[in-house]
Amino acid sequence: MKIKICSTCKTTKGLSEFNKNCHSLDGHYSICRECTKKKANLRYQHKDKFQYTKRMYGIDKEGILSLLHNQNNKCLLCDTEFEVYSRDTKRQFTVDHCHVTGRVRGLLCHHCNIGLGMFKDNEETMLKAIAYIKKKV
């Protein structure tokens, strides 16, 4: 039986205790299923999005409201308008941050944030993607 150490709880567990991840060398996530569930529960127990952003990014309610105001309550990339207080909509804001420095860059919609993440914030790759979509077919 193959084993792995969870990067969160530091417990040695069998690979069956880890979700699959085709992008990792061993084919599994580094966090065990139990810790993944705990992390998800922690995120969703915060009904107030402002508590979550304070804990995760160190930016309080006033900081978020200031960013929302400065951005005219819209995504910085696609101008989708945010519905700040609605939990049942996909138009909520996502706090975008630099993965190197941890600093908050602004508020994006879910799709724009995922898009940046897929390009791993790599400017050269994003410029190639822009040139690619500008090609006339």
Protein backbone atom coordinates (compact mmCIF):
# COMPACT_ATOMS: atom_id res chain seq x y z
CA MET A 1 0.00 0.00 0.00
CA LYS A 2 1.37 3.40 -1.00
CA ILE A 3 1.36 6.08 1.67
CA LYS A 4 1.60 9.85 1.76
CA ILE A 5 1.89 12.55 4.42
CA CYS A 6 -0.88 15.17 4.49
CA SER A 7 0.63 18.65 4.18
CA THR A 8 -1.96 20.04 6.60
CA CYS A 9 -2.32 17.55 9.47
CA LYS A 10 1.11 15.91 8.90
CA THR A 11 -0.44 12.45 9.31
CA THR A 12 0.74 9.49 7.24
CA LYS A 13 -2.18 7.98 5.32
CA GLY A 14 -2.81 5.66 2.42
CA LEU A 15 -3.21 7.19 -1.04
CA SER A 16 -6.89 6.24 -0.95
CA GLU A 17 -7.30 8.96 1.72
CA PHE A 18 -6.29 11.64 -0.82
CA ASN A 19 -8.37 12.92 -3.73
CA LYS A 20 -6.93 12.37 -7.18
CA ASN A 21 -5.06 15.17 -8.94
CA CYS A 22 -3.74 14.52 -12.44
CA HIS A 23 -1.35 17.48 -12.15
CA SER A 24 0.70 16.13 -9.23
CA LEU A 25 3.57 13.68 -9.58
CA ASP A 26 1.91 10.91 -7.57
CA GLY A 27 -1.58 11.62 -8.95
CA HIS A 28 -3.07 12.81 -5.65
CA TYR A 29 -3.54 16.10 -3.79
CA SER A 30 -1.15 16.90 -0.93
CA ILE A 31 -4.03 17.47 1.52
CA CYS A 32 -6.02 14.47 2.75
CA ARG A 33 -9.78 14.24 2.26
CA GLU A 34 -10.47 14.84 5.94
CA CYS A 35 -8.47 18.10 5.98
CA THR A 36 -10.04 19.14 2.68
CA LYS A 37 -13.50 18.74 4.24
CA LYS A 38 -12.47 20.68 7.34
CA LYS A 39 -11.09 23.49 5.20
CA ALA A 40 -14.28 23.62 3.12
CA ASN A 41 -16.45 23.62 6.24
CA LEU A 42 -14.39 26.47 7.70
CA ARG A 43 -14.92 28.49 4.54
CA TYR A 44 -18.66 27.92 4.40
CA GLN A 45 -19.34 28.38 8.09
CA HIS A 46 -18.65 32.07 7.56
CA LYS A 47 -21.98 33.39 6.35
CA ASP A 48 -20.48 36.84 6.27
CA LYS A 49 -18.08 37.06 3.32
CA PHE A 50 -16.28 39.88 5.07
CA GLN A 51 -15.21 37.58 7.93
CA TYR A 52 -13.78 35.15 5.41
CA THR A 53 -11.82 37.82 3.53
CA LYS A 54 -10.43 39.16 6.80
CA ARG A 55 -9.22 35.72 7.84
CA MET A 56 -7.86 34.73 4.44
CA TYR A 57 -6.45 37.98 3.07
CA GLY A 58 -6.19 40.32 6.05
CA ILE A 59 -8.57 42.83 4.51
CA ASP A 60 -11.51 43.92 6.65
CA LYS A 61 -15.06 44.96 5.76
CA GLU A 62 -14.10 48.62 5.28
CA GLY A 63 -11.26 47.63 2.95
CA ILE A 64 -13.55 45.44 0.85
CA LEU A 65 -16.24 48.12 0.71
CA SER A 66 -13.59 50.65 -0.31
CA LEU A 67 -12.40 48.35 -3.13
CA LEU A 68 -15.99 47.81 -4.24
CA HIS A 69 -16.59 51.56 -4.28
CA ASN A 70 -13.36 52.28 -6.18
CA GLN A 71 -14.27 49.61 -8.74
CA ASN A 72 -17.85 50.91 -9.15
CA ASN A 73 -19.07 47.57 -7.77
CA LYS A 74 -17.75 45.79 -10.91
CA CYS A 75 -15.15 43.20 -11.84
CA LEU A 76 -11.85 44.89 -12.76
CA LEU A 77 -11.54 42.81 -15.92
CA CYS A 78 -14.97 42.21 -17.46
CA ASP A 79 -17.13 44.88 -15.73
CA THR A 80 -19.63 42.32 -14.42
CA GLU A 81 -21.61 44.00 -11.66
CA PHE A 82 -21.36 42.35 -8.26
CA GLU A 83 -24.28 41.40 -6.05
CA VAL A 84 -22.46 41.76 -2.76
CA TYR A 85 -24.97 40.46 -0.26
CA SER A 86 -26.52 37.59 -2.23
CA ARG A 87 -25.16 34.09 -1.50
CA ASP A 88 -27.21 32.35 -4.18
CA THR A 89 -25.72 34.17 -7.14
CA LYS A 90 -22.52 33.52 -9.06
CA ARG A 91 -21.94 37.25 -9.37
CA GLN A 92 -20.21 37.56 -6.06
CA PHE A 93 -16.77 39.08 -5.96
CA THR A 94 -13.59 37.11 -5.51
CA VAL A 95 -10.57 38.66 -3.84
CA ASP A 96 -7.71 38.48 -6.33
CA HIS A 97 -4.25 38.38 -4.82
CA CYS A 98 -0.67 37.89 -5.91
CA HIS A 99 0.46 34.36 -5.07
CA VAL A 100 4.06 35.52 -4.67
CA THR A 101 3.55 38.49 -2.33
CA GLY A 102 0.08 37.66 -0.96
CA ARG A 103 -1.03 41.25 -1.57
CA VAL A 104 -4.61 41.90 -2.67
CA ARG A 105 -4.81 43.28 -6.22
CA GLY A 106 -8.54 43.85 -6.42
CA LEU A 107 -11.93 42.21 -6.76
CA LEU A 108 -12.77 40.01 -9.73
CA CYS A 109 -15.73 37.88 -10.76
CA HIS A 110 -15.34 34.12 -10.42
CA HIS A 111 -14.67 33.55 -14.13
CA CYS A 112 -11.95 36.20 -14.45
CA ASN A 113 -10.25 34.98 -11.27
CA ILE A 114 -10.27 31.38 -12.52
CA GLY A 115 -8.94 32.55 -15.89
CA LEU A 116 -5.97 34.27 -14.30
CA GLY A 117 -5.36 31.22 -12.16
CA MET A 118 -5.36 28.92 -15.18
CA PHE A 119 -2.64 31.06 -16.74
CA LYS A 120 -0.78 31.00 -13.41
CA ASP A 121 -0.50 34.80 -13.58
CA ASN A 122 2.07 34.33 -16.37
CA GLU A 123 2.07 37.52 -18.45
CA GLU A 124 3.86 35.95 -21.42
CA THR A 125 1.30 33.15 -21.68
CA MET A 126 -1.58 35.62 -21.37
CA LEU A 127 -0.11 37.77 -24.17
CA LYS A 128 0.18 34.65 -26.35
CA ALA A 129 -3.48 33.89 -25.60
CA ILE A 130 -4.46 37.44 -26.63
CA ALA A 131 -2.54 37.10 -29.90
CA TYR A 132 -4.18 33.71 -30.45
CA ILE A 133 -7.76 34.97 -30.06
CA LYS A 134 -7.02 37.95 -32.34
CA LYS A 135 -6.21 35.59 -35.24
CA LYS A 136 -8.79 35.66 -37.97
CA VAL A 137 -9.99 32.17 -38.85
